Protein backbone atom coordinates (compact mmCIF):
# COMPACT_ATOMS: atom_id res chain seq x y z
CA UNK A 1 0.00 0.00 0.00
CA UNK A 2 1.31 3.42 -0.94
CA UNK A 3 1.40 6.62 1.09
CA UNK A 4 -1.01 9.54 0.73
CA UNK A 5 0.95 12.79 0.88
CA UNK A 6 -0.99 15.99 1.68
CA UNK A 7 1.15 18.58 -0.07
CA UNK A 8 0.97 22.30 0.60
CA UNK A 9 1.48 24.45 -2.50
CA UNK A 10 2.01 28.23 -2.92
CA UNK A 11 -0.95 30.55 -2.38
CA UNK A 12 0.50 32.97 -4.93
CA UNK A 13 4.26 33.31 -5.13
CA UNK A 14 5.71 30.11 -6.63
CA UNK A 15 8.95 30.74 -4.75
CA UNK A 16 7.17 29.71 -1.54
CA UNK A 17 7.07 26.02 -2.48
CA UNK A 18 9.33 23.85 -0.34
CA UNK A 19 12.09 21.54 -1.52
CA UNK A 20 10.32 18.67 0.21
CA UNK A 21 7.07 19.41 -1.65
CA UNK A 22 8.89 19.35 -5.00
CA UNK A 23 10.70 16.14 -4.09
CA UNK A 24 7.39 14.51 -3.17
CA UNK A 25 5.55 15.65 -6.30
CA UNK A 26 8.34 14.25 -8.47
CA UNK A 27 8.31 10.89 -6.68
CA UNK A 28 4.60 9.96 -6.49
CA UNK A 29 2.75 7.85 -9.05
CA UNK A 30 -0.32 10.14 -9.13
CA UNK A 31 -1.27 13.68 -8.16
CA UNK A 32 -4.89 14.30 -7.13
CA UNK A 33 -5.56 18.01 -7.73
CA UNK A 34 -8.45 20.33 -6.98
CA UNK A 35 -7.80 22.33 -10.18
CA UNK A 36 -5.99 20.37 -12.90
CA UNK A 37 -5.28 23.52 -14.93
CA UNK A 38 -3.58 25.29 -12.02
CA UNK A 39 -1.80 22.08 -11.08
CA UNK A 40 -0.55 21.73 -14.65
CA UNK A 41 0.92 25.23 -14.61
CA UNK A 42 2.62 24.60 -11.26
CA UNK A 43 4.10 21.28 -12.35
CA UNK A 44 5.25 22.65 -15.71
CA UNK A 45 6.99 25.56 -13.99
CA UNK A 46 9.06 23.12 -11.93
CA UNK A 47 9.56 20.58 -14.72
CA UNK A 48 7.40 17.87 -13.14
CA UNK A 49 5.55 15.46 -15.42
CA UNK A 50 3.30 13.18 -13.36
CA UNK A 51 -0.26 11.94 -14.03
CA UNK A 52 -2.96 14.26 -12.62
CA UNK A 53 -6.43 13.27 -11.43
CA UNK A 54 -9.16 15.85 -10.81
CA UNK A 55 -10.50 15.86 -7.25
CA UNK A 56 -12.64 18.84 -6.26
CA UNK A 57 -15.63 19.66 -4.06
CA UNK A 58 -18.32 18.19 -6.33
CA UNK A 59 -16.58 14.97 -7.35
CA UNK A 60 -14.54 14.08 -4.26
CA UNK A 61 -16.99 11.45 -2.98
CA UNK A 62 -16.92 9.69 -6.35
CA UNK A 63 -13.12 9.87 -6.66
CA UNK A 64 -12.18 8.55 -3.24
CA UNK A 65 -12.29 4.88 -4.28
CA UNK A 66 -10.30 5.67 -7.43
CA UNK A 67 -7.55 7.29 -5.38
CA UNK A 68 -7.57 4.45 -2.85
CA UNK A 69 -7.15 1.99 -5.73
CA UNK A 70 -4.21 4.04 -6.99
CA UNK A 71 -2.67 3.87 -3.53
CA UNK A 72 -2.65 0.11 -3.92
CA UNK A 73 -0.07 0.55 -6.67
CA UNK A 74 1.99 3.47 -5.39
CA UNK A 75 2.16 6.80 -3.60
CA UNK A 76 -0.35 9.62 -4.25
CA UNK A 77 -0.01 13.35 -3.59
CA UNK A 78 -3.07 15.46 -2.82
CA UNK A 79 -2.87 19.17 -3.68
CA UNK A 80 -5.46 21.94 -3.64
CA UNK A 81 -5.77 24.96 -5.91
CA UNK A 82 -3.52 26.79 -3.45
CA UNK A 83 -2.39 26.28 0.13
CA UNK A 84 -3.00 23.21 2.28
CA UNK A 85 -5.50 20.61 1.05
CA UNK A 86 -8.43 19.96 3.38
CA UNK A 87 -8.26 23.42 4.97
CA UNK A 88 -11.35 25.13 3.50
CA UNK A 89 -10.54 23.03 0.43
CA UNK A 90 -11.33 19.47 -0.72
CA UNK A 91 -9.46 16.58 0.87
CA UNK A 92 -11.21 15.74 4.13
CA UNK A 93 -13.26 12.84 2.73
CA UNK A 94 -10.20 11.31 1.06
CA UNK A 95 -7.98 11.65 4.14
CA UNK A 96 -10.64 10.14 6.39
CA UNK A 97 -11.19 7.21 4.02
CA UNK A 98 -7.45 6.62 3.69
CA UNK A 99 -7.00 6.52 7.47
CA UNK A 100 -9.92 4.09 7.80
CA UNK A 101 -8.23 1.80 5.23
CA UNK A 102 -4.97 1.89 7.15
CA UNK A 103 -3.18 4.02 4.57
CA UNK A 104 -0.22 6.04 5.82
CA UNK A 105 -1.04 9.75 5.57
CA UNK A 106 1.88 12.20 5.58
CA UNK A 107 1.45 16.01 5.56
CA UNK A 108 3.99 18.14 3.68
CA UNK A 109 3.57 21.62 5.22
CA UNK A 110 3.18 24.67 3.05
CA UNK A 111 1.76 28.20 2.88
CA UNK A 112 -1.70 28.92 4.31
CA UNK A 113 -3.53 32.19 3.77
CA UNK A 114 -5.19 32.07 7.20
CA UNK A 115 -1.93 31.92 9.15
CA UNK A 116 -0.12 34.27 6.77
CA UNK A 117 -2.79 36.94 7.28
CA UNK A 118 -2.98 36.34 11.02
CA UNK A 119 0.72 36.89 11.75
CA UNK A 120 0.74 40.14 9.73
CA UNK A 121 -2.56 41.46 11.09
CA UNK A 122 -1.28 43.11 14.24
CA UNK A 123 -3.98 41.28 16.23
CA UNK A 124 -3.33 38.65 18.93
CA UNK A 125 -1.86 35.43 17.54
CA UNK A 126 -1.55 33.33 20.69
CA UNK A 127 -4.94 31.73 20.04
CA UNK A 128 -7.34 32.02 17.11
CA UNK A 129 -10.45 30.47 15.56
CA UNK A 130 -10.51 29.72 11.84
CA UNK A 131 -14.05 29.50 10.42
CA UNK A 132 -13.17 28.91 6.76
CA UNK A 133 -15.29 30.64 4.13
CA UNK A 134 -18.14 32.69 5.57
CA UNK A 135 -21.62 31.42 4.57
CA UNK A 136 -23.03 32.77 1.32
CA UNK A 137 -26.45 33.78 2.71
CA UNK A 138 -26.58 36.78 5.03
CA UNK A 139 -28.87 35.01 7.52
CA UNK A 140 -26.48 32.06 7.81
CA UNK A 141 -23.51 34.41 8.00
CA UNK A 142 -25.05 36.43 10.82
CA UNK A 143 -25.92 33.24 12.67
CA UNK A 144 -22.28 32.12 12.56
CA UNK A 145 -21.09 35.55 13.69
CA UNK A 146 -23.60 35.54 16.54
CA UNK A 147 -22.23 32.19 17.71
CA UNK A 148 -18.72 33.68 17.66
CA UNK A 149 -19.68 37.03 19.19
CA UNK A 150 -18.40 36.15 22.68
CA UNK A 151 -15.31 34.32 21.40
CA UNK A 152 -12.25 36.05 22.87
CA UNK A 153 -9.81 34.46 20.45
CA UNK A 154 -8.99 36.21 17.16
CA UNK A 155 -11.34 35.23 14.32
CA UNK A 156 -10.00 34.35 10.87
CA UNK A 157 -12.21 33.82 7.81
CA UNK A 158 -12.02 33.66 4.03
CA UNK A 159 -14.37 35.68 1.84
CA UNK A 160 -15.07 36.02 -1.88
CA UNK A 161 -14.68 39.51 -3.39
CA UNK A 162 -18.32 39.83 -4.48
CA UNK A 163 -19.54 39.19 -0.90
CA UNK A 164 -16.91 41.17 0.97
CA UNK A 165 -18.92 44.37 1.49
CA UNK A 166 -21.98 42.47 2.75
CA UNK A 167 -19.90 40.35 5.10
CA UNK A 168 -18.15 43.39 6.58
CA UNK A 169 -21.54 45.03 7.14
CA UNK A 170 -22.87 41.89 8.85
CA UNK A 171 -19.75 41.62 11.02
CA UNK A 172 -20.11 45.25 12.10
CA UNK A 173 -23.80 44.78 12.92
CA UNK A 174 -23.28 41.60 14.93
CA UNK A 175 -19.83 42.03 16.49
CA UNK A 176 -19.65 45.79 16.90
CA UNK A 177 -16.85 48.04 15.68
CA UNK A 178 -13.85 45.80 16.34
CA UNK A 179 -10.34 45.99 14.93
CA UNK A 180 -9.86 44.07 11.69
CA UNK A 181 -7.21 43.32 9.10
CA UNK A 182 -8.36 42.73 5.52
CA UNK A 183 -5.67 40.83 3.61
CA UNK A 184 -5.94 40.71 -0.18
CA UNK A 185 -3.95 38.69 -2.74
CA UNK A 186 -1.41 37.45 -0.19
CA UNK A 187 2.09 36.75 -1.61
CA UNK A 188 0.99 37.99 -5.04
CA UNK A 189 2.01 41.09 -6.99
CA UNK A 190 -0.94 43.15 -5.68
CA UNK A 191 -0.72 41.99 -2.07
CA UNK A 192 -2.33 44.44 0.34
CA UNK A 193 -3.12 44.28 4.07
CA UNK A 194 -5.52 46.95 5.28
CA UNK A 195 -5.75 47.45 9.05
CA UNK A 196 -8.39 49.43 10.92
CA UNK A 197 -11.91 48.92 12.28
CA UNK A 198 -14.92 47.13 10.83
CA UNK A 199 -16.67 50.46 10.19
CA UNK A 200 -13.60 51.74 8.35
CA UNK A 201 -13.31 48.50 6.39
CA UNK A 202 -16.96 48.70 5.36
CA UNK A 203 -16.31 52.20 4.01
CA UNK A 204 -13.01 51.22 2.36
CA UNK A 205 -14.36 48.08 0.68
CA UNK A 206 -17.95 49.19 0.13
CA UNK A 207 -17.66 49.11 -3.64
CA UNK A 208 -16.60 46.37 -6.01
CA UNK A 209 -13.64 44.38 -4.69
CA UNK A 210 -11.14 42.27 -6.59
CA UNK A 211 -8.89 39.46 -5.40
CA UNK A 212 -8.91 36.77 -2.75
CA UNK A 213 -9.58 38.01 0.79
CA UNK A 214 -8.77 36.85 4.30
CA UNK A 215 -10.39 38.64 7.26
CA UNK A 216 -8.73 38.73 10.67
CA UNK A 217 -11.14 40.12 13.30
CA UNK A 218 -10.40 41.03 16.89
CA UNK A 219 -11.90 38.71 19.48
CA UNK A 220 -14.40 39.84 22.07
CA UNK A 221 -13.26 41.90 25.02
CA UNK A 222 -13.47 40.31 28.46
CA UNK A 223 -17.18 40.09 29.06
CA UNK A 224 -18.93 41.87 31.88
CA UNK A 225 -22.30 40.68 33.12
CA UNK A 226 -25.03 42.58 31.32
CA UNK A 227 -27.85 44.02 33.36
CA UNK A 228 -31.46 43.78 32.24
CA UNK A 229 -31.24 47.45 31.27
CA UNK A 230 -28.24 46.66 29.02
CA UNK A 231 -30.16 43.83 27.34
CA UNK A 232 -33.24 45.98 26.86
CA UNK A 233 -31.14 48.78 25.31
CA UNK A 234 -29.57 46.31 22.87
CA UNK A 235 -32.99 44.91 21.95
CA UNK A 236 -34.40 48.41 21.40
CA UNK A 237 -31.52 49.26 19.08
CA UNK A 238 -31.90 46.03 17.07
CA UNK A 239 -35.66 46.52 16.72
CA UNK A 240 -35.15 50.10 15.53
CA UNK A 241 -32.69 48.76 12.96
CA UNK A 242 -35.45 46.57 11.56
CA UNK A 243 -34.77 43.23 13.23
CA UNK A 244 -37.73 41.02 14.07
CA UNK A 245 -38.47 40.23 17.71
CA UNK A 246 -36.98 36.76 17.28
CA UNK A 247 -33.82 38.03 15.56
CA UNK A 248 -33.39 40.81 18.12
CA UNK A 249 -33.68 38.27 20.95
CA UNK A 250 -31.17 35.92 19.34
CA UNK A 251 -28.61 38.64 18.61
CA UNK A 252 -28.98 40.27 22.04
CA UNK A 253 -28.57 36.88 23.69
CA UNK A 254 -25.39 36.20 21.72
CA UNK A 255 -23.95 39.60 22.63
CA UNK A 256 -24.96 39.61 26.28
CA UNK A 257 -24.42 36.02 27.30
CA UNK A 258 -28.01 35.81 28.57
CA UNK A 259 -30.04 32.70 27.63
CA UNK A 260 -32.34 33.38 24.69
CA UNK A 261 -35.32 32.16 26.72
CA UNK A 262 -34.74 35.06 29.12
CA UNK A 263 -34.12 37.66 26.41
CA UNK A 264 -37.14 36.77 24.28
CA UNK A 265 -39.78 38.05 26.76
CA UNK A 266 -37.85 41.33 27.03
CA UNK A 267 -37.78 41.61 23.24
CA UNK A 268 -41.48 40.78 23.02
CA UNK A 269 -42.44 43.46 25.56
CA UNK A 270 -40.13 46.00 23.94
CA UNK A 271 -41.55 45.28 20.50
CA UNK A 272 -45.11 45.77 21.74
CA UNK A 273 -44.14 49.05 23.41
CA UNK A 274 -42.51 50.33 20.23
CA UNK A 275 -45.59 49.35 18.20
CA UNK A 276 -48.02 50.96 20.63
CA UNK A 277 -49.59 54.24 19.41
CA UNK A 278 -48.42 57.46 21.04
CA UNK A 279 -51.22 58.58 23.41
CA UNK A 280 -49.35 61.68 24.57
């Protein structure tokens, strides 16, 4: 039985590939790649001519057995479009299946946009939470941010350029005006790391954005126990911003640390008071 090598490849600058990665790619019998076109360019640049098999998000389940069969005849390298396979990229299903079959799995470390952005962000690096790509739908995105609202560790996320402005607006609404670093096109010619606050980032990136983005967001400050007056004030603000009673209760609960079952009656009463006609 061969070995499955998980090979990290450059996220932009080809000079970031390691000697060990090149040695491995030259030695394996097959390379399973998320993007065969990008893989072909990478291999050609380094003079590597090995068979390539497509393995991406929508065909991974069907290709697992094919790769396992190939491992019966020799070693296989798994690479993603850029960075480390399996980290917000395909590869998890294959690695899990290989381990279950008793296949030796060996990681070959390489560049990762999340860590690269984190260490250059100017935000705490001693502990962080990586959430991968933010959800496409605003409601799902806000739900994830609400779950992370009290997280004191630094938050790191990937985002597509056409959703960047909406995601920054959602982060500001849910998390408050925290410090943030917006890293674009890391290690590439147009690399840029913008540092400031979420409100400033929303203004800076409010229009059309280009490139691949990594967001590094400051974790929550040490929480103090909210009073009922604090919770009510938060609910009133959310309702004025157009949130439903249920959404206001959920968001206020996430921010305050109060159980939602205790916040909901406050939100319900506040909503009725705001809807009541002025009898003055």
